[in-house]
Amino acid sequence: MHTLHQTSKTHLPRLDALRHLQALDSPTEERFIRITRMARNIFDVPIALISFEDNEREWAKPCYGLNIHEPLPNFSFCKHGFLKERMIVIEDATKHPCYYNNPMVIGEPYIRFYAGHSLVITDGLHIGSLCIIDSKPKVFGDWI
């Protein structure tokens, strides 16, 4: 498994994949817009984004419902789920020991609910995450 703390040589395949997908330093594409629009509608949340990670930055493409553009701030929730093999769900960030004092919880946009899943391409490289966010606590199991 790749981690953000490994050498850049280890990251070359992932970074090459991001370049091939034109995921960084480029305008948002319709394919990403469709995915986030669908996520917002299915899960009835005001915020959805696809976050891509290179070695030093986190880019949101597209980012609906937040007045944040690429790159994302260092305290972004999405980077925490980037390399996980499972979905990360935070039903109420104000009660979570790792997030209760996050600037995006105690201030705008007042994140309460967060769910994110790593995006893995065919060769097993983690390139980012799909994230949904709400300013109200939610129980993720309500949708399943």
N, C-alpha and C. Protein backbone atom coordinates (compact mmCIF):
# COMPACT_ATOMS: atom_id res chain seq x y z
N MET A 1 0.84 -1.17 0.00
CA MET A 1 0.00 0.00 0.00
C MET A 1 0.89 1.24 0.00
N HIS A 2 0.51 2.23 -0.77
CA HIS A 2 1.26 3.47 -0.83
C HIS A 2 0.82 4.37 0.32
N THR A 3 1.74 5.15 0.84
CA THR A 3 1.37 6.15 1.83
C THR A 3 1.93 7.48 1.40
N LEU A 4 1.37 8.54 1.93
CA LEU A 4 1.83 9.87 1.57
C LEU A 4 3.23 10.16 2.09
N HIS A 5 3.74 9.33 2.98
CA HIS A 5 5.04 9.59 3.58
C HIS A 5 6.17 8.79 2.94
N GLN A 6 5.86 8.01 1.91
CA GLN A 6 6.91 7.26 1.24
C GLN A 6 7.66 8.19 0.29
N THR A 7 8.76 7.71 -0.23
CA THR A 7 9.57 8.52 -1.11
C THR A 7 8.83 8.82 -2.39
N SER A 8 9.26 9.88 -3.08
CA SER A 8 8.59 10.26 -4.32
C SER A 8 8.74 9.17 -5.38
N LYS A 9 9.80 8.35 -5.32
CA LYS A 9 9.95 7.27 -6.28
C LYS A 9 8.77 6.30 -6.19
N THR A 10 8.33 6.02 -4.98
CA THR A 10 7.18 5.14 -4.77
C THR A 10 5.92 5.77 -5.35
N HIS A 11 5.84 7.07 -5.33
CA HIS A 11 4.66 7.77 -5.80
C HIS A 11 4.62 7.95 -7.30
N LEU A 12 5.68 7.69 -8.01
CA LEU A 12 5.70 7.95 -9.44
C LEU A 12 4.54 7.30 -10.19
N PRO A 13 4.21 6.04 -9.97
CA PRO A 13 3.07 5.47 -10.70
C PRO A 13 1.76 6.20 -10.41
N ARG A 14 1.52 6.56 -9.16
CA ARG A 14 0.30 7.28 -8.81
C ARG A 14 0.29 8.67 -9.43
N LEU A 15 1.40 9.38 -9.36
CA LEU A 15 1.47 10.71 -9.96
C LEU A 15 1.34 10.64 -11.47
N ASP A 16 1.94 9.63 -12.07
CA ASP A 16 1.78 9.43 -13.52
C ASP A 16 0.31 9.20 -13.87
N ALA A 17 -0.38 8.43 -13.05
CA ALA A 17 -1.80 8.17 -13.29
C ALA A 17 -2.61 9.46 -13.18
N LEU A 18 -2.31 10.29 -12.19
CA LEU A 18 -3.00 11.57 -12.04
C LEU A 18 -2.76 12.47 -13.26
N ARG A 19 -1.52 12.47 -13.74
CA ARG A 19 -1.21 13.26 -14.93
C ARG A 19 -1.97 12.72 -16.15
N HIS A 20 -2.00 11.40 -16.28
CA HIS A 20 -2.70 10.79 -17.40
C HIS A 20 -4.19 11.12 -17.36
N LEU A 21 -4.77 11.12 -16.18
CA LEU A 21 -6.18 11.47 -16.02
C LEU A 21 -6.43 12.98 -16.12
N GLN A 22 -5.36 13.76 -16.16
CA GLN A 22 -5.43 15.22 -16.17
C GLN A 22 -6.26 15.72 -14.98
N ALA A 23 -6.00 15.12 -13.83
CA ALA A 23 -6.77 15.42 -12.62
C ALA A 23 -6.25 16.66 -11.89
N LEU A 24 -5.01 17.02 -12.08
CA LEU A 24 -4.42 18.17 -11.38
C LEU A 24 -4.13 19.29 -12.38
N ASP A 25 -4.17 20.51 -11.87
CA ASP A 25 -3.79 21.68 -12.67
C ASP A 25 -4.53 21.76 -14.00
N SER A 26 -5.81 21.42 -13.99
CA SER A 26 -6.62 21.47 -15.19
C SER A 26 -8.05 21.83 -14.79
N PRO A 27 -8.83 22.31 -15.75
CA PRO A 27 -10.24 22.64 -15.43
C PRO A 27 -11.02 21.38 -15.04
N THR A 28 -12.09 21.60 -14.28
CA THR A 28 -12.98 20.49 -13.92
C THR A 28 -13.65 19.95 -15.17
N GLU A 29 -13.74 18.63 -15.23
CA GLU A 29 -14.33 17.99 -16.39
C GLU A 29 -15.74 17.50 -16.08
N GLU A 30 -16.53 17.37 -17.13
CA GLU A 30 -17.92 16.95 -17.00
C GLU A 30 -18.03 15.59 -16.30
N ARG A 31 -17.08 14.69 -16.55
CA ARG A 31 -17.16 13.35 -15.93
C ARG A 31 -17.12 13.45 -14.41
N PHE A 32 -16.33 14.37 -13.87
CA PHE A 32 -16.26 14.55 -12.42
C PHE A 32 -17.51 15.27 -11.91
N ILE A 33 -18.01 16.20 -12.68
CA ILE A 33 -19.23 16.93 -12.29
C ILE A 33 -20.40 15.95 -12.18
N ARG A 34 -20.54 15.04 -13.12
CA ARG A 34 -21.64 14.07 -13.08
C ARG A 34 -21.57 13.20 -11.83
N ILE A 35 -20.38 12.76 -11.48
CA ILE A 35 -20.22 11.88 -10.31
C ILE A 35 -20.62 12.62 -9.03
N THR A 36 -20.13 13.84 -8.86
CA THR A 36 -20.46 14.57 -7.62
C THR A 36 -21.92 14.99 -7.59
N ARG A 37 -22.49 15.34 -8.72
CA ARG A 37 -23.92 15.68 -8.78
C ARG A 37 -24.75 14.46 -8.36
N MET A 38 -24.39 13.30 -8.86
CA MET A 38 -25.10 12.08 -8.52
C MET A 38 -24.96 11.78 -7.01
N ALA A 39 -23.77 11.94 -6.47
CA ALA A 39 -23.55 11.69 -5.03
C ALA A 39 -24.40 12.63 -4.19
N ARG A 40 -24.45 13.91 -4.56
CA ARG A 40 -25.27 14.88 -3.81
C ARG A 40 -26.74 14.48 -3.85
N ASN A 41 -27.21 14.06 -5.00
CA ASN A 41 -28.63 13.69 -5.12
C ASN A 41 -28.96 12.40 -4.39
N ILE A 42 -28.14 11.39 -4.54
CA ILE A 42 -28.40 10.10 -3.90
C ILE A 42 -28.40 10.22 -2.38
N PHE A 43 -27.43 10.95 -1.85
CA PHE A 43 -27.28 11.03 -0.39
C PHE A 43 -27.89 12.28 0.22
N ASP A 44 -28.51 13.11 -0.61
CA ASP A 44 -29.19 14.32 -0.14
C ASP A 44 -28.29 15.15 0.79
N VAL A 45 -27.13 15.51 0.25
CA VAL A 45 -26.18 16.34 0.99
C VAL A 45 -25.88 17.59 0.17
N PRO A 46 -25.53 18.68 0.84
CA PRO A 46 -25.25 19.92 0.11
C PRO A 46 -23.84 19.99 -0.48
N ILE A 47 -22.94 19.13 0.00
CA ILE A 47 -21.55 19.21 -0.42
C ILE A 47 -21.07 17.86 -0.92
N ALA A 48 -20.46 17.86 -2.09
CA ALA A 48 -19.84 16.66 -2.63
C ALA A 48 -18.62 17.10 -3.43
N LEU A 49 -17.58 16.29 -3.36
CA LEU A 49 -16.38 16.62 -4.11
C LEU A 49 -15.56 15.39 -4.39
N ILE A 50 -14.74 15.50 -5.39
CA ILE A 50 -13.72 14.50 -5.66
C ILE A 50 -12.40 15.17 -5.35
N SER A 51 -11.65 14.53 -4.49
CA SER A 51 -10.37 15.07 -4.05
C SER A 51 -9.25 14.21 -4.61
N PHE A 52 -8.31 14.86 -5.28
CA PHE A 52 -7.13 14.17 -5.80
C PHE A 52 -5.92 14.61 -5.01
N GLU A 53 -5.01 13.67 -4.77
CA GLU A 53 -3.82 13.94 -3.96
C GLU A 53 -2.56 13.74 -4.78
N ASP A 54 -1.70 14.76 -4.78
CA ASP A 54 -0.34 14.51 -5.25
C ASP A 54 0.54 14.49 -4.01
N ASN A 55 1.83 14.65 -4.14
CA ASN A 55 2.70 14.56 -2.97
C ASN A 55 2.54 15.71 -1.99
N GLU A 56 2.11 16.86 -2.48
CA GLU A 56 2.09 18.05 -1.63
C GLU A 56 0.75 18.76 -1.56
N ARG A 57 -0.18 18.42 -2.43
CA ARG A 57 -1.42 19.17 -2.50
C ARG A 57 -2.62 18.23 -2.56
N GLU A 58 -3.75 18.79 -2.19
CA GLU A 58 -5.03 18.10 -2.34
C GLU A 58 -5.92 19.00 -3.18
N TRP A 59 -6.41 18.46 -4.28
CA TRP A 59 -7.20 19.24 -5.22
C TRP A 59 -8.64 18.76 -5.25
N ALA A 60 -9.58 19.68 -5.22
CA ALA A 60 -11.00 19.34 -5.29
C ALA A 60 -11.50 19.62 -6.71
N LYS A 61 -12.06 18.59 -7.35
CA LYS A 61 -12.57 18.74 -8.71
C LYS A 61 -13.78 17.86 -8.90
N PRO A 62 -14.92 18.34 -9.03
CA PRO A 62 -15.39 19.65 -8.61
C PRO A 62 -15.71 19.65 -7.12
N CYS A 63 -16.03 20.79 -6.61
CA CYS A 63 -16.37 20.93 -5.20
C CYS A 63 -17.67 21.72 -5.12
N TYR A 64 -18.76 21.04 -4.90
CA TYR A 64 -20.06 21.69 -4.79
C TYR A 64 -20.39 21.98 -3.33
N GLY A 65 -20.85 23.19 -3.07
CA GLY A 65 -21.33 23.53 -1.75
C GLY A 65 -20.30 24.11 -0.81
N LEU A 66 -19.06 24.19 -1.22
CA LEU A 66 -18.01 24.82 -0.42
C LEU A 66 -17.39 25.94 -1.23
N ASN A 67 -17.04 27.00 -0.57
CA ASN A 67 -16.36 28.09 -1.24
C ASN A 67 -14.85 27.88 -1.15
N ILE A 68 -14.44 26.68 -1.47
CA ILE A 68 -13.03 26.31 -1.43
C ILE A 68 -12.69 25.73 -2.79
N HIS A 69 -11.57 26.13 -3.31
CA HIS A 69 -11.14 25.62 -4.59
C HIS A 69 -9.79 24.97 -4.43
N GLU A 70 -9.31 24.43 -5.48
CA GLU A 70 -8.03 23.73 -5.43
C GLU A 70 -6.91 24.70 -5.15
N PRO A 71 -5.93 24.38 -4.37
CA PRO A 71 -5.89 23.20 -3.53
C PRO A 71 -6.72 23.39 -2.26
N LEU A 72 -7.08 22.26 -1.67
CA LEU A 72 -7.84 22.28 -0.42
C LEU A 72 -6.93 22.64 0.74
N PRO A 73 -7.50 23.16 1.83
CA PRO A 73 -6.68 23.48 3.00
C PRO A 73 -6.12 22.23 3.66
N ASN A 74 -5.04 22.40 4.41
CA ASN A 74 -4.37 21.27 5.06
C ASN A 74 -5.26 20.53 6.06
N PHE A 75 -6.31 21.15 6.52
CA PHE A 75 -7.19 20.51 7.50
C PHE A 75 -8.39 19.84 6.85
N SER A 76 -8.30 19.57 5.57
CA SER A 76 -9.38 18.91 4.85
C SER A 76 -9.66 17.51 5.41
N PHE A 77 -10.91 17.13 5.43
CA PHE A 77 -11.31 15.80 5.86
C PHE A 77 -10.89 14.74 4.84
N CYS A 78 -10.95 15.07 3.56
CA CYS A 78 -10.76 14.08 2.49
C CYS A 78 -9.40 13.42 2.53
N LYS A 79 -8.38 14.14 2.93
CA LYS A 79 -7.05 13.54 2.92
C LYS A 79 -6.92 12.41 3.93
N HIS A 80 -7.78 12.38 4.93
CA HIS A 80 -7.69 11.32 5.94
C HIS A 80 -8.19 9.98 5.41
N GLY A 81 -9.06 9.99 4.43
CA GLY A 81 -9.58 8.75 3.88
C GLY A 81 -8.91 8.32 2.60
N PHE A 82 -7.97 9.12 2.17
CA PHE A 82 -7.34 8.92 0.86
C PHE A 82 -6.78 7.53 0.64
N LEU A 83 -6.08 6.97 1.60
CA LEU A 83 -5.43 5.68 1.41
C LEU A 83 -6.09 4.54 2.17
N LYS A 84 -7.28 4.75 2.67
CA LYS A 84 -7.98 3.71 3.41
C LYS A 84 -8.59 2.70 2.45
N GLU A 85 -8.67 1.47 2.89
CA GLU A 85 -9.28 0.42 2.09
C GLU A 85 -10.79 0.36 2.29
N ARG A 86 -11.29 1.14 3.23
CA ARG A 86 -12.72 1.12 3.51
C ARG A 86 -13.24 2.56 3.56
N MET A 87 -14.54 2.69 3.56
CA MET A 87 -15.16 4.00 3.65
C MET A 87 -14.95 4.58 5.04
N ILE A 88 -14.73 5.87 5.09
CA ILE A 88 -14.67 6.58 6.37
C ILE A 88 -15.99 7.32 6.53
N VAL A 89 -16.64 7.12 7.67
CA VAL A 89 -17.90 7.80 7.95
C VAL A 89 -17.77 8.47 9.31
N ILE A 90 -18.08 9.75 9.34
CA ILE A 90 -18.11 10.52 10.58
C ILE A 90 -19.53 11.08 10.67
N GLU A 91 -20.33 10.51 11.56
CA GLU A 91 -21.74 10.88 11.63
C GLU A 91 -21.96 12.22 12.29
N ASP A 92 -21.10 12.59 13.24
CA ASP A 92 -21.18 13.92 13.88
C ASP A 92 -19.76 14.33 14.26
N ALA A 93 -19.19 15.20 13.44
CA ALA A 93 -17.79 15.60 13.64
C ALA A 93 -17.57 16.33 14.96
N THR A 94 -18.61 16.95 15.52
CA THR A 94 -18.45 17.65 16.79
C THR A 94 -18.20 16.68 17.94
N LYS A 95 -18.50 15.40 17.73
CA LYS A 95 -18.31 14.39 18.77
C LYS A 95 -17.16 13.44 18.47
N HIS A 96 -16.46 13.68 17.37
CA HIS A 96 -15.36 12.79 16.97
C HIS A 96 -14.05 13.31 17.55
N PRO A 97 -13.26 12.44 18.22
CA PRO A 97 -12.04 12.91 18.89
C PRO A 97 -10.99 13.50 17.94
N CYS A 98 -11.00 13.14 16.68
CA CYS A 98 -10.01 13.67 15.73
C CYS A 98 -10.48 14.92 15.00
N TYR A 99 -11.77 15.21 15.00
CA TYR A 99 -12.30 16.28 14.15
C TYR A 99 -13.04 17.38 14.90
N TYR A 100 -13.37 17.21 16.17
CA TYR A 100 -14.22 18.16 16.88
C TYR A 100 -13.68 19.58 16.86
N ASN A 101 -12.34 19.74 16.76
CA ASN A 101 -11.77 21.09 16.77
C ASN A 101 -11.22 21.50 15.40
N ASN A 102 -11.59 20.79 14.35
CA ASN A 102 -11.19 21.11 13.00
C ASN A 102 -11.80 22.47 12.62
N PRO A 103 -11.02 23.34 11.97
CA PRO A 103 -11.56 24.65 11.59
C PRO A 103 -12.83 24.58 10.73
N MET A 104 -13.01 23.50 9.99
CA MET A 104 -14.21 23.37 9.15
C MET A 104 -15.39 22.81 9.95
N VAL A 105 -15.16 22.41 11.19
CA VAL A 105 -16.24 21.97 12.08
C VAL A 105 -16.67 23.12 12.98
N ILE A 106 -15.71 23.83 13.55
CA ILE A 106 -16.05 24.92 14.46
C ILE A 106 -16.38 26.22 13.72
N GLY A 107 -16.09 26.25 12.43
CA GLY A 107 -16.41 27.40 11.58
C GLY A 107 -17.01 26.94 10.27
N GLU A 108 -17.20 27.90 9.36
CA GLU A 108 -17.76 27.58 8.04
C GLU A 108 -16.99 26.44 7.42
N PRO A 109 -17.62 25.46 6.86
CA PRO A 109 -19.06 25.28 6.59
C PRO A 109 -19.78 24.50 7.68
N TYR A 110 -19.18 24.41 8.87
CA TYR A 110 -19.79 23.71 10.01
C TYR A 110 -20.08 22.26 9.68
N ILE A 111 -19.05 21.55 9.27
CA ILE A 111 -19.20 20.14 8.90
C ILE A 111 -19.62 19.33 10.12
N ARG A 112 -20.67 18.54 9.93
CA ARG A 112 -21.10 17.60 10.96
C ARG A 112 -20.95 16.18 10.42
N PHE A 113 -21.49 15.94 9.24
CA PHE A 113 -21.42 14.61 8.65
C PHE A 113 -20.38 14.61 7.53
N TYR A 114 -19.59 13.54 7.48
CA TYR A 114 -18.62 13.36 6.40
C TYR A 114 -18.56 11.87 6.07
N ALA A 115 -18.56 11.56 4.79
CA ALA A 115 -18.29 10.19 4.33
C ALA A 115 -17.38 10.30 3.12
N GLY A 116 -16.37 9.46 3.09
CA GLY A 116 -15.44 9.47 1.97
C GLY A 116 -14.92 8.09 1.68
N HIS A 117 -14.69 7.84 0.41
CA HIS A 117 -14.15 6.55 -0.01
C HIS A 117 -13.02 6.79 -0.99
N SER A 118 -11.96 6.06 -0.81
CA SER A 118 -10.80 6.17 -1.67
C SER A 118 -11.15 5.78 -3.10
N LEU A 119 -10.60 6.51 -4.05
CA LEU A 119 -10.73 6.17 -5.47
C LEU A 119 -9.50 5.39 -5.88
N VAL A 120 -9.73 4.18 -6.34
CA VAL A 120 -8.64 3.28 -6.70
C VAL A 120 -8.80 2.93 -8.17
N ILE A 121 -7.72 3.11 -8.94
CA ILE A 121 -7.79 2.76 -10.36
C ILE A 121 -7.38 1.31 -10.55
N THR A 122 -7.50 0.83 -11.77
CA THR A 122 -7.38 -0.60 -12.05
C THR A 122 -6.09 -1.25 -11.57
N ASP A 123 -5.01 -0.53 -11.51
CA ASP A 123 -3.76 -1.15 -11.05
C ASP A 123 -3.58 -1.04 -9.54
N GLY A 124 -4.63 -0.65 -8.82
CA GLY A 124 -4.59 -0.61 -7.37
C GLY A 124 -4.04 0.67 -6.78
N LEU A 125 -3.79 1.67 -7.60
CA LEU A 125 -3.26 2.94 -7.09
C LEU A 125 -4.38 3.80 -6.54
N HIS A 126 -4.18 4.32 -5.34
CA HIS A 126 -5.13 5.25 -4.72
C HIS A 126 -4.80 6.65 -5.27
N ILE A 127 -5.79 7.26 -5.92
CA ILE A 127 -5.52 8.56 -6.53
C ILE A 127 -6.29 9.70 -5.88
N GLY A 128 -7.24 9.39 -5.03
CA GLY A 128 -8.02 10.43 -4.38
C GLY A 128 -9.19 9.83 -3.64
N SER A 129 -10.22 10.66 -3.43
CA SER A 129 -11.40 10.16 -2.73
C SER A 129 -12.65 10.91 -3.18
N LEU A 130 -13.77 10.22 -3.09
CA LEU A 130 -15.08 10.81 -3.32
C LEU A 130 -15.65 11.10 -1.94
N CYS A 131 -16.06 12.35 -1.71
CA CYS A 131 -16.49 12.78 -0.38
C CYS A 131 -17.87 13.41 -0.43
N ILE A 132 -18.68 13.12 0.57
CA ILE A 132 -19.96 13.79 0.74
C ILE A 132 -19.98 14.39 2.14
N ILE A 133 -20.58 15.58 2.25
CA ILE A 133 -20.51 16.35 3.50
C ILE A 133 -21.85 17.03 3.74
N ASP A 134 -22.22 17.13 5.03
CA ASP A 134 -23.43 17.86 5.40
C ASP A 134 -23.16 18.66 6.67
N SER A 135 -23.92 19.72 6.83
CA SER A 135 -23.81 20.54 8.04
C SER A 135 -24.72 20.02 9.15
N LYS A 136 -25.40 18.91 8.88
CA LYS A 136 -26.24 18.26 9.89
C LYS A 136 -25.69 16.86 10.13
N PRO A 137 -25.71 16.38 11.38
CA PRO A 137 -25.31 14.99 11.63
C PRO A 137 -26.24 14.04 10.87
N LYS A 138 -25.69 12.92 10.44
CA LYS A 138 -26.46 11.90 9.75
C LYS A 138 -25.99 10.54 10.18
N VAL A 139 -26.87 9.56 10.05
CA VAL A 139 -26.51 8.17 10.27
C VAL A 139 -26.39 7.55 8.89
N PHE A 140 -25.21 7.11 8.52
CA PHE A 140 -24.99 6.63 7.16
C PHE A 140 -25.84 5.42 6.86
N GLY A 141 -26.09 4.57 7.83
CA GLY A 141 -26.88 3.37 7.62
C GLY A 141 -28.31 3.66 7.18
N ASP A 142 -28.78 4.89 7.38
CA ASP A 142 -30.12 5.24 6.94
C ASP A 142 -30.29 5.10 5.43
N TRP A 143 -29.22 5.16 4.67
CA TRP A 143 -29.29 5.08 3.21
C TRP A 143 -29.16 3.67 2.69
N ILE A 144 -28.66 2.78 3.51
CA ILE A 144 -28.34 1.44 3.02
C ILE A 144 -29.50 0.49 3.25
